[in-house]
Amino acid sequence: MPKRVLVIGAGFAGLAAATSLADKGYDVTILEKNSIPGGRARVFEAEGFTFDMGPSWYWMPDVFDTYFARFGKRTSDYYNLVRLDPSYKVVFGPNEAVDLPAGLDNLEALFEGIEPGSGTRLRQFLKQASYKYEVGMNKFVWKPSRSVTEFLSLKLLFDVTRLDVFQSFASHARKFFTHPRLLEIVEFPVLFLGATPENTPAMYSLMNYAEMALGTWYPMGGMHEIVKAMVRLAEEKGVKILLNQTVQKIDIQKKTAQRVITTEGIFETDVVVAGADYNHVETSLIDETNRNYDDAYWKSRVMAPSSLLFYLGVNKRLPRLLHHNLFFDEDFKVHAQEIYETPRWPSKPLFYASAPSKTDPGIAPEGCENLFLLIPVAPDLTDDEATREHYYNLIMNRLEAYVGEDIRNHIVFKRSYAHNDFKQDYNAFRGNAYGLANTLRQTAILKPSLKNKQVNNLFYTGQLTVPGPGVPPSLISGLVVADEVAREFN
């Protein structure tokens, strides 16, 4: 009789872990708190609009290809992927914006036009970033990081010396570029990693390689199409997905998780893989004596940002916007400091505006625009409607100034989402949106362990454990933990 595995949470990590374990012959059931799978990548419909609730950037297409190929499938078996060109727009002011083209030749020409000589330096920058991507995404992130011995091979030690782990991203970028506009462009991807560019390791230029060389893509129908694909594949492998199952307790006897108790029933199991928020599992679902980490540990963790989000349905088109638009019309450094160094609601925030209906007319009524606005903010802030409305009007003033026309009077649907919602829907520690910051002291074996140290059949997966936050790392996290389960419970 195959061993039974209960996976808590149907986000990317939970679905990946469940599918991999089912493929290995386990009897797998997913218990999902919400009414649809996907975790932060859920979707909702309103007034004829279809809104992705969370992730909106499709980067690192090779990771998705590798995932589906593991099970003899291709991404094209499930969804239609298109590359965006331009990749995105950076708005520096009402009358100043730069469209980042797809393709390195065009990108080098753009850089050269802004700063003579920077086109050649961009190629050099990306050559180094390519190596970091190859090592980081194809070697290091696949390590379960349960022991330092995993990293002691001579080849890996040699690789580490070339990753610029101990140099800051800011100083690394300034070896190649001096123009402030180019520095803002290359530093943008690290904004969500959990520290300022001055405190982020230079190895994360691998994000620039992912963005610029591998491209920005979009699955037609929206990012939730990835979730639908993963659900289909999971069910093809025999995974049972039970929705509206709020887990109340993991029953542990003699250092073994015996049962998972939900609002809807009691489930017997041989192994538990917790894809829910790690801190929530530790503090609310198991006894204190069985926790990996105490409250002091969690209080000392450095978090990546949370987000204030707005989902807007607009009854007209907005010609000046692209699919992805970054509003860098305020001081990058001030906003970063207000997220990471002196956490507070930002004084003059940068923000992101996505109009996926530019690429995919099917997600909005004819002649309308689907807008998704995001302000990265510090976690654990006081979140109320008055604050949300203040920031809504603040960024809408700037958005309208750029597009040159009224938007607010054409909004037929509006919904906001922030800290309180992340806590309610995902039990998110401190209302985080992106998990733990990718700092040097929270990397690999210094992240929360994927295995419970007290309970021999309880594992963790997702953005608060290895390899870290983001959709591709979460996919990898699920596969890594499945391999660890199989190694111990073959």
Protein backbone atom coordinates (compact mmCIF):
# COMPACT_ATOMS: atom_id res chain seq x y z
CA MET A 1 0.00 0.00 0.00
CA PRO A 2 1.53 3.37 -0.99
CA LYS A 3 2.45 5.77 1.77
CA ARG A 4 0.00 8.62 2.31
CA VAL A 5 1.16 12.23 2.06
CA LEU A 6 -0.87 15.26 3.06
CA VAL A 7 0.25 18.55 1.51
CA ILE A 8 -1.03 21.69 3.20
CA GLY A 9 -1.58 24.44 0.65
CA ALA A 10 -2.16 24.45 -3.12
CA GLY A 11 0.26 27.21 -4.04
CA PHE A 12 3.09 26.68 -6.50
CA ALA A 13 5.28 24.85 -3.95
CA GLY A 14 2.46 22.65 -2.66
CA LEU A 15 1.30 21.68 -6.15
CA ALA A 16 4.85 20.92 -7.27
CA ALA A 17 5.58 18.81 -4.19
CA ALA A 18 2.29 16.92 -4.51
CA THR A 19 2.74 16.22 -8.23
CA SER A 20 6.30 15.01 -7.79
CA LEU A 21 5.38 12.73 -4.89
CA ALA A 22 2.39 11.29 -6.74
CA ASP A 23 4.67 10.65 -9.71
CA LYS A 24 6.94 8.70 -7.35
CA GLY A 25 4.05 6.47 -6.28
CA TYR A 26 2.73 8.15 -3.13
CA ASP A 27 -0.96 8.58 -2.29
CA VAL A 28 -1.16 12.39 -2.16
CA THR A 29 -3.91 14.72 -0.98
CA ILE A 30 -3.69 18.51 -0.92
CA LEU A 31 -5.65 20.41 1.74
CA GLU A 32 -6.26 23.98 0.56
CA LYS A 33 -7.68 26.72 2.80
CA ASN A 34 -9.19 28.82 0.02
CA SER A 35 -11.95 28.11 -2.47
CA ILE A 36 -9.57 27.86 -5.45
CA PRO A 37 -5.97 26.62 -5.75
CA GLY A 38 -2.99 28.83 -6.50
CA GLY A 39 -2.11 30.51 -3.23
CA ARG A 40 -0.98 34.05 -3.95
CA ALA A 41 -1.54 33.33 -7.66
CA ARG A 42 -5.30 33.05 -7.32
CA VAL A 43 -7.67 34.78 -9.74
CA PHE A 44 -11.07 36.45 -9.50
CA GLU A 45 -13.61 37.86 -11.95
CA ALA A 46 -15.72 40.99 -11.64
CA GLU A 47 -17.71 43.12 -14.11
CA GLY A 48 -16.34 41.13 -17.03
CA PHE A 49 -12.70 41.55 -15.95
CA THR A 50 -10.37 38.71 -14.96
CA PHE A 51 -7.77 39.72 -12.37
CA ASP A 52 -4.63 37.80 -11.43
CA MET A 53 -4.31 38.46 -7.71
CA GLY A 54 -0.56 38.10 -7.27
CA PRO A 55 2.42 37.27 -9.51
CA SER A 56 2.36 39.12 -12.82
CA TRP A 57 5.93 38.71 -14.18
CA TYR A 58 6.76 35.51 -16.07
CA TRP A 59 10.54 35.30 -15.83
CA MET A 60 12.92 32.32 -15.99
CA PRO A 61 10.93 30.35 -18.59
CA ASP A 62 13.52 27.58 -18.41
CA VAL A 63 12.39 26.74 -14.85
CA PHE A 64 8.81 26.19 -16.01
CA ASP A 65 10.04 24.16 -18.99
CA THR A 66 12.14 22.00 -16.65
CA TYR A 67 9.19 21.50 -14.32
CA PHE A 68 6.79 20.20 -16.95
CA ALA A 69 9.53 18.23 -18.72
CA ARG A 70 10.14 16.31 -15.50
CA PHE A 71 6.73 14.73 -16.06
CA GLY A 72 7.05 14.29 -19.81
CA LYS A 73 5.10 17.45 -20.63
CA ARG A 74 5.70 20.86 -22.16
CA THR A 75 4.36 24.25 -21.17
CA SER A 76 2.74 24.44 -24.61
CA ASP A 77 0.63 21.42 -23.68
CA TYR A 78 -1.21 23.66 -21.23
CA TYR A 79 -0.91 27.34 -22.15
CA ASN A 80 0.19 29.70 -24.91
CA LEU A 81 3.27 31.70 -23.94
CA VAL A 82 4.13 34.98 -25.68
CA ARG A 83 7.23 37.15 -25.26
CA LEU A 84 6.58 40.81 -24.54
CA ASP A 85 8.31 43.40 -26.70
CA PRO A 86 8.91 45.93 -25.25
CA SER A 87 9.47 43.98 -22.07
CA TYR A 88 8.33 46.90 -19.92
CA LYS A 89 8.28 50.68 -19.61
CA VAL A 90 10.12 52.76 -16.99
CA VAL A 91 8.47 56.11 -16.29
CA PHE A 92 10.83 58.74 -14.85
CA GLY A 93 8.34 61.61 -15.01
CA PRO A 94 5.22 62.85 -16.86
CA ASN A 95 7.26 63.49 -20.01
CA GLU A 96 10.12 61.03 -19.63
CA ALA A 97 9.89 57.28 -20.11
CA VAL A 98 12.01 54.47 -21.52
CA ASP A 99 10.67 51.30 -23.16
CA LEU A 100 12.97 48.32 -22.56
CA PRO A 101 13.06 46.29 -25.81
CA ALA A 102 13.29 42.53 -26.05
CA GLY A 103 16.53 41.27 -27.58
CA LEU A 104 20.05 42.13 -26.45
CA ASP A 105 21.07 44.04 -29.60
CA ASN A 106 18.19 46.49 -29.17
CA LEU A 107 18.80 46.72 -25.45
CA GLU A 108 22.48 47.51 -25.97
CA ALA A 109 21.53 50.24 -28.44
CA LEU A 110 19.16 51.74 -25.88
CA PHE A 111 21.84 51.77 -23.18
CA GLU A 112 24.38 53.22 -25.62
CA GLY A 113 22.00 56.07 -26.43
CA ILE A 114 21.68 56.96 -22.76
CA GLU A 115 25.37 56.56 -21.82
CA PRO A 116 28.05 56.18 -24.50
CA GLY A 117 30.05 53.01 -23.99
CA SER A 118 27.38 51.38 -21.81
CA GLY A 119 26.15 49.09 -24.58
CA THR A 120 29.41 47.14 -24.56
CA ARG A 121 29.50 47.23 -20.77
CA LEU A 122 25.97 45.84 -20.64
CA ARG A 123 27.12 42.81 -22.61
CA GLN A 124 30.00 42.34 -20.13
CA PHE A 125 27.62 42.80 -17.18
CA LEU A 126 25.23 40.20 -18.55
CA LYS A 127 28.06 37.77 -19.34
CA GLN A 128 28.94 37.71 -15.64
CA ALA A 129 25.26 37.57 -14.73
CA SER A 130 24.82 34.58 -17.05
CA TYR A 131 27.40 32.62 -15.07
CA LYS A 132 25.67 33.52 -11.82
CA TYR A 133 22.35 32.42 -13.26
CA GLU A 134 23.80 29.11 -14.43
CA VAL A 135 25.34 28.36 -11.05
CA GLY A 136 22.61 29.87 -8.91
CA MET A 137 19.52 28.54 -10.71
CA ASN A 138 20.90 25.23 -11.96
CA LYS A 139 23.02 24.20 -8.97
CA PHE A 140 22.57 26.05 -5.69
CA VAL A 141 18.78 26.39 -5.59
CA TRP A 142 18.39 22.63 -6.03
CA LYS A 143 20.27 21.93 -2.80
CA PRO A 144 18.01 21.01 0.16
CA SER A 145 20.44 23.00 2.34
CA ARG A 146 20.19 20.65 5.30
CA SER A 147 23.96 20.46 5.80
CA VAL A 148 26.98 22.55 4.93
CA THR A 149 28.53 19.42 3.44
CA GLU A 150 26.23 19.81 0.42
CA PHE A 151 28.34 22.81 -0.62
CA LEU A 152 31.83 21.44 0.02
CA SER A 153 32.73 20.09 -3.40
CA LEU A 154 35.73 21.80 -4.99
CA LYS A 155 33.63 22.76 -8.01
CA LEU A 156 30.96 24.44 -5.90
CA LEU A 157 33.55 26.23 -3.79
CA PHE A 158 35.15 27.49 -7.00
CA ASP A 159 31.75 28.65 -8.22
CA VAL A 160 31.10 30.54 -4.98
CA THR A 161 34.27 32.57 -5.42
CA ARG A 162 32.95 33.84 -8.76
CA LEU A 163 29.45 34.71 -7.58
CA ASP A 164 30.34 38.02 -5.91
CA VAL A 165 28.57 36.90 -2.76
CA PHE A 166 30.42 39.40 -0.56
CA GLN A 167 30.17 42.42 -2.87
CA SER A 168 27.09 44.62 -2.89
CA PHE A 169 24.86 44.84 -5.93
CA ALA A 170 25.14 48.64 -5.87
CA SER A 171 28.94 48.67 -6.06
CA HIS A 172 28.92 45.92 -8.70
CA ALA A 173 26.48 47.82 -10.94
CA ARG A 174 28.57 50.98 -10.68
CA LYS A 175 31.54 49.19 -12.19
CA PHE A 176 29.60 49.10 -15.45
CA PHE A 177 27.22 52.09 -15.44
CA THR A 178 27.27 55.64 -14.13
CA HIS A 179 24.12 57.22 -15.59
CA PRO A 180 21.43 57.37 -12.86
CA ARG A 181 18.72 56.16 -15.26
CA LEU A 182 20.67 53.04 -16.17
CA LEU A 183 21.45 52.34 -12.53
CA GLU A 184 17.75 52.53 -11.65
CA ILE A 185 16.94 50.14 -14.49
CA VAL A 186 19.51 47.51 -13.49
CA GLU A 187 18.73 47.86 -9.76
CA PHE A 188 14.96 47.48 -10.21
CA PRO A 189 14.83 43.64 -10.05
CA VAL A 190 16.46 43.56 -6.60
CA LEU A 191 13.85 45.92 -5.11
CA PHE A 192 11.75 42.92 -4.06
CA LEU A 193 14.57 40.77 -2.68
CA GLY A 194 14.50 42.24 0.80
CA ALA A 195 17.29 44.82 1.05
CA THR A 196 18.58 47.95 -0.62
CA PRO A 197 21.00 47.44 -3.54
CA GLU A 198 23.77 48.51 -1.14
CA ASN A 199 22.94 45.53 1.10
CA THR A 200 22.06 42.96 -1.56
CA PRO A 201 24.80 40.55 -2.72
CA ALA A 202 26.03 41.19 -6.27
CA MET A 203 25.28 37.56 -7.14
CA TYR A 204 21.69 38.69 -7.69
CA SER A 205 22.65 40.26 -10.99
CA LEU A 206 21.40 36.84 -12.09
CA MET A 207 17.99 38.54 -11.94
CA ASN A 208 19.13 40.95 -14.65
CA TYR A 209 20.13 38.01 -16.82
CA ALA A 210 16.72 36.44 -16.29
CA GLU A 211 14.97 39.67 -17.17
CA MET A 212 17.10 40.96 -20.05
CA ALA A 213 18.49 37.85 -21.73
CA LEU A 214 15.79 35.25 -21.09
CA GLY A 215 12.99 37.75 -21.55
CA THR A 216 9.67 38.78 -20.08
CA TRP A 217 6.80 36.48 -21.06
CA TYR A 218 3.06 36.17 -20.52
CA PRO A 219 0.78 33.11 -20.55
CA MET A 220 -2.35 34.05 -22.49
CA GLY A 221 -5.32 34.05 -20.15
CA GLY A 222 -3.20 35.27 -17.25
CA MET A 223 -0.72 33.95 -14.70
CA HIS A 224 -3.38 31.73 -13.19
CA GLU A 225 -3.10 29.63 -16.36
CA ILE A 226 0.12 28.26 -14.83
CA VAL A 227 -1.87 27.19 -11.77
CA LYS A 228 -4.53 25.57 -13.95
CA ALA A 229 -1.78 23.70 -15.79
CA MET A 230 -0.21 22.50 -12.55
CA VAL A 231 -3.58 21.40 -11.19
CA ARG A 232 -4.34 19.45 -14.38
CA LEU A 233 -0.97 17.75 -14.23
CA ALA A 234 -1.34 17.00 -10.52
CA GLU A 235 -4.73 15.41 -11.06
CA GLU A 236 -3.39 13.44 -14.04
CA LYS A 237 -0.85 12.00 -11.58
CA GLY A 238 -3.61 11.10 -9.12
CA VAL A 239 -3.34 13.97 -6.64
CA LYS A 240 -6.57 14.74 -4.79
CA ILE A 241 -7.13 18.46 -4.17
CA LEU A 242 -9.61 19.33 -1.42
CA LEU A 243 -10.64 22.99 -1.19
CA ASN A 244 -12.06 25.05 1.72
CA GLN A 245 -10.04 22.93 4.15
CA THR A 246 -8.69 25.21 6.88
CA VAL A 247 -6.12 23.19 8.81
CA GLN A 248 -6.57 23.60 12.57
CA LYS A 249 -3.98 21.19 13.95
CA ILE A 250 -1.29 18.71 13.02
CA ASP A 251 -1.66 15.90 15.57
CA ILE A 252 1.81 14.72 16.62
CA GLN A 253 2.39 11.66 18.79
CA LYS A 254 5.78 10.16 19.62
CA LYS A 255 7.54 12.61 17.29
CA THR A 256 5.42 11.56 14.32
CA ALA A 257 2.65 13.52 12.63
CA GLN A 258 -0.32 11.15 12.70
CA ARG A 259 -3.25 13.21 11.54
CA VAL A 260 -4.16 16.59 10.11
CA ILE A 261 -7.34 18.10 11.49
CA THR A 262 -9.25 20.61 9.37
CA THR A 263 -12.57 22.42 9.65
CA GLU A 264 -14.04 19.73 7.40
CA GLY A 265 -12.59 16.52 8.81
CA ILE A 266 -9.68 14.45 10.07
CA PHE A 267 -7.09 13.00 7.70
CA GLU A 268 -4.69 10.18 8.57
CA THR A 269 -1.23 10.35 7.03
CA ASP A 270 2.28 8.97 6.90
CA VAL A 271 3.98 12.24 5.87
CA VAL A 272 3.01 15.92 6.07
CA VAL A 273 4.40 18.55 3.69
CA ALA A 274 3.46 22.03 4.89
CA GLY A 275 3.20 24.50 2.02
CA ALA A 276 1.32 26.94 4.22
CA ASP A 277 3.08 29.88 5.86
CA TYR A 278 6.01 28.37 7.82
CA ASN A 279 5.59 30.62 10.86
CA HIS A 280 1.85 29.89 10.98
CA VAL A 281 2.49 26.15 10.92
CA GLU A 282 5.03 26.46 13.73
CA THR A 283 3.04 28.80 15.96
CA SER A 284 -0.56 27.69 15.32
CA LEU A 285 -0.67 24.10 14.02
CA ILE A 286 1.90 22.25 16.18
CA ASP A 287 2.84 22.35 19.85
CA GLU A 288 5.64 24.64 21.01
CA THR A 289 7.82 21.66 21.95
CA ASN A 290 7.81 20.51 18.32
CA ARG A 291 8.75 23.83 16.74
CA ASN A 292 11.98 24.36 14.82
CA TYR A 293 12.25 28.00 15.84
CA ASP A 294 11.12 30.16 18.75
CA ASP A 295 9.49 33.60 18.63
CA ALA A 296 12.83 35.37 19.04
CA TYR A 297 14.11 33.68 15.88
CA TRP A 298 11.10 34.79 13.84
CA LYS A 299 11.28 38.34 15.17
CA SER A 300 14.89 38.53 14.02
CA ARG A 301 14.08 37.51 10.43
CA VAL A 302 14.47 40.13 7.71
CA MET A 303 11.43 40.13 5.48
CA ALA A 304 11.04 40.99 1.81
CA PRO A 305 8.37 43.64 1.16
CA SER A 306 4.67 43.40 1.52
CA SER A 307 2.44 45.11 -1.03
CA LEU A 308 -0.50 47.44 -1.33
CA LEU A 309 -2.43 46.32 -4.41
CA PHE A 310 -5.29 47.76 -6.41
CA TYR A 311 -7.32 45.85 -9.01
CA LEU A 312 -9.08 48.29 -11.34
CA GLY A 313 -11.50 47.80 -14.20
CA VAL A 314 -11.45 50.83 -16.52
CA ASN A 315 -14.13 51.37 -19.17
CA LYS A 316 -11.73 52.79 -21.77
CA ARG A 317 -8.27 52.07 -23.18
CA LEU A 318 -5.12 53.81 -21.95
CA PRO A 319 -2.77 54.17 -24.95
CA ARG A 320 0.40 55.38 -23.19
CA LEU A 321 0.72 52.29 -20.99
CA LEU A 322 2.43 49.00 -21.85
CA HIS A 323 1.72 45.62 -20.29
CA HIS A 324 4.32 46.32 -17.54
CA ASN A 325 5.05 49.88 -16.34
CA LEU A 326 7.45 50.90 -13.56
CA PHE A 327 6.93 54.37 -12.13
CA PHE A 328 10.36 55.52 -10.99
CA ASP A 329 9.30 59.17 -10.86
CA GLU A 330 10.27 59.50 -7.20
CA ASP A 331 13.52 58.84 -5.32
CA PHE A 332 14.39 55.12 -5.45
CA LYS A 333 16.71 55.31 -2.43
CA VAL A 334 14.19 57.01 -0.16
CA HIS A 335 11.50 54.44 -0.91
CA ALA A 336 13.92 51.53 -0.43
CA GLN A 337 14.99 52.92 2.94
CA GLU A 338 11.36 53.24 4.01
CA ILE A 339 10.83 49.57 3.20
CA TYR A 340 14.01 48.04 4.60
CA GLU A 341 15.90 50.34 6.95
CA THR A 342 13.31 52.54 8.69
CA PRO A 343 10.07 50.62 7.98
CA ARG A 344 7.08 52.91 7.54
CA TRP A 345 4.41 53.78 5.04
CA PRO A 346 6.40 55.45 2.23
CA SER A 347 6.43 59.22 1.76
CA LYS A 348 6.75 59.20 -2.05
CA PRO A 349 6.56 55.60 -3.23
CA LEU A 350 7.60 54.11 -6.50
CA PHE A 351 4.88 51.90 -7.94
CA TYR A 352 4.15 49.34 -10.63
CA ALA A 353 1.23 49.40 -13.05
CA SER A 354 0.31 46.34 -15.08
CA ALA A 355 -2.16 46.49 -17.95
CA PRO A 356 -2.26 42.85 -19.12
CA SER A 357 -5.23 43.66 -21.36
CA LYS A 358 -2.64 45.28 -23.68
CA THR A 359 -1.45 41.76 -24.50
CA ASP A 360 -4.59 39.78 -23.70
CA PRO A 361 -7.90 41.49 -24.67
CA GLY A 362 -9.81 38.47 -23.34
CA ILE A 363 -9.31 39.48 -19.71
CA ALA A 364 -11.32 42.71 -20.06
CA PRO A 365 -14.55 43.71 -21.82
CA GLU A 366 -14.11 45.14 -25.31
CA GLY A 367 -12.69 48.66 -25.25
CA CYS A 368 -11.74 48.40 -21.57
CA GLU A 369 -8.47 48.17 -19.65
CA ASN A 370 -7.55 45.76 -16.86
CA LEU A 371 -5.22 47.52 -14.38
CA PHE A 372 -3.19 46.06 -11.53
CA LEU A 373 -1.33 48.58 -9.35
CA LEU A 374 1.29 47.63 -6.77
CA ILE A 375 3.21 49.64 -4.19
CA PRO A 376 5.98 47.68 -2.43
CA VAL A 377 5.81 48.52 1.28
CA ALA A 378 7.36 47.33 4.52
CA PRO A 379 5.71 44.32 6.19
CA ASP A 380 3.89 44.56 9.51
CA LEU A 381 2.45 48.05 9.00
CA THR A 382 -0.90 49.25 10.34
CA ASP A 383 -3.28 48.67 7.47
CA ASP A 384 -6.61 50.51 7.28
CA GLU A 385 -8.96 51.78 4.57
CA ALA A 386 -8.00 55.43 5.07
CA THR A 387 -4.34 54.61 4.45
CA ARG A 388 -5.16 52.56 1.37
CA GLU A 389 -7.29 55.37 -0.06
CA HIS A 390 -4.55 57.93 0.58
CA TYR A 391 -2.05 55.91 -1.45
CA TYR A 392 -4.62 55.14 -4.12
CA ASN A 393 -5.12 58.83 -4.80
CA LEU A 394 -1.41 59.55 -4.53
CA ILE A 395 -0.42 57.11 -7.26
CA MET A 396 -3.49 57.78 -9.39
CA ASN A 397 -2.48 61.46 -9.55
CA ARG A 398 0.85 60.41 -11.01
CA LEU A 399 -0.64 57.76 -13.30
CA GLU A 400 -3.14 60.24 -14.73
CA ALA A 401 -0.40 62.85 -15.15
CA TYR A 402 1.58 60.38 -17.23
CA VAL A 403 -1.26 59.07 -19.43
CA GLY A 404 -2.57 62.62 -19.82
CA GLU A 405 -6.19 61.81 -19.18
CA ASP A 406 -8.73 61.08 -16.47
CA ILE A 407 -8.89 57.50 -15.22
CA ARG A 408 -10.71 57.64 -11.88
CA ASN A 409 -14.05 58.66 -13.36
CA HIS A 410 -13.85 55.70 -15.76
CA ILE A 411 -13.29 53.02 -13.12
CA VAL A 412 -16.17 50.53 -13.04
CA PHE A 413 -14.54 48.13 -10.58
CA LYS A 414 -12.06 48.70 -7.75
CA ARG A 415 -10.63 46.41 -5.09
CA SER A 416 -7.69 46.91 -2.74
CA TYR A 417 -5.51 44.29 -1.06
CA ALA A 418 -2.77 44.66 1.58
CA HIS A 419 -1.34 43.36 4.87
CA ASN A 420 -4.63 42.42 6.53
CA ASP A 421 -5.70 40.45 3.44
CA PHE A 422 -2.38 38.59 3.23
CA LYS A 423 -2.84 37.58 6.86
CA GLN A 424 -6.47 36.56 6.44
CA ASP A 425 -6.10 34.64 3.17
CA TYR A 426 -2.62 33.10 3.63
CA ASN A 427 -1.85 33.43 7.36
CA ALA A 428 1.12 35.45 6.11
CA PHE A 429 3.74 36.16 8.76
CA ARG A 430 3.73 39.93 9.44
CA GLY A 431 1.48 40.36 6.39
CA ASN A 432 4.37 39.62 4.04
CA ALA A 433 3.84 39.26 0.30
CA TYR A 434 7.23 37.91 -0.83
CA GLY A 435 8.63 35.87 2.07
CA LEU A 436 12.09 36.20 3.57
CA ALA A 437 14.60 38.68 2.27
CA ASN A 438 17.45 37.22 0.19
CA THR A 439 20.22 38.50 2.41
CA LEU A 440 23.55 36.77 2.93
CA ARG A 441 22.53 35.73 6.45
CA GLN A 442 19.31 34.19 5.14
CA THR A 443 20.72 32.11 2.29
CA ALA A 444 20.88 28.31 1.82
CA ILE A 445 21.54 26.58 5.17
CA LEU A 446 20.77 29.86 6.97
CA LYS A 447 17.13 29.78 5.83
CA PRO A 448 14.47 27.97 7.89
CA SER A 449 15.00 24.24 7.38
CA LEU A 450 12.74 22.28 5.03
CA LYS A 451 12.58 19.46 7.62
CA ASN A 452 11.18 19.62 11.13
CA LYS A 453 13.96 18.81 13.56
CA GLN A 454 11.64 17.32 16.19
CA VAL A 455 9.07 15.49 14.04
CA ASN A 456 10.45 12.84 11.71
CA ASN A 457 7.76 13.08 9.02
CA LEU A 458 6.99 16.81 8.86
CA PHE A 459 8.50 18.86 6.03
CA TYR A 460 8.13 22.46 4.86
CA THR A 461 8.05 24.02 1.41
CA GLY A 462 7.43 27.46 -0.07
CA GLN A 463 8.77 30.97 0.11
CA LEU A 464 9.90 30.94 3.76
CA THR A 465 12.26 28.02 3.30
CA VAL A 466 14.79 27.04 0.62
CA PRO A 467 15.45 28.22 -2.00
CA GLY A 468 13.41 31.38 -1.38
CA PRO A 469 10.61 33.64 -2.63
CA GLY A 470 9.26 34.01 -6.15
CA VAL A 471 7.36 31.71 -8.48
CA PRO A 472 10.33 29.79 -9.98
CA PRO A 473 11.99 29.25 -6.57
CA SER A 474 8.66 28.08 -5.12
CA LEU A 475 8.31 25.54 -7.94
CA ILE A 476 11.82 24.33 -7.20
CA SER A 477 11.11 24.25 -3.46
CA GLY A 478 8.27 21.80 -4.03
CA LEU A 479 10.42 19.51 -6.15
CA VAL A 480 13.34 19.63 -3.70
CA VAL A 481 11.19 18.73 -0.70
CA ALA A 482 9.53 15.90 -2.65
CA ASP A 483 12.95 14.42 -3.34
CA GLU A 484 13.82 14.67 0.36
CA VAL A 485 10.58 12.93 1.35
CA ALA A 486 11.28 10.15 -1.14
CA ARG A 487 14.84 9.79 0.14
CA GLU A 488 13.64 9.28 3.71
CA PHE A 489 10.37 7.42 3.08
CA ASN A 490 11.16 5.33 0.01
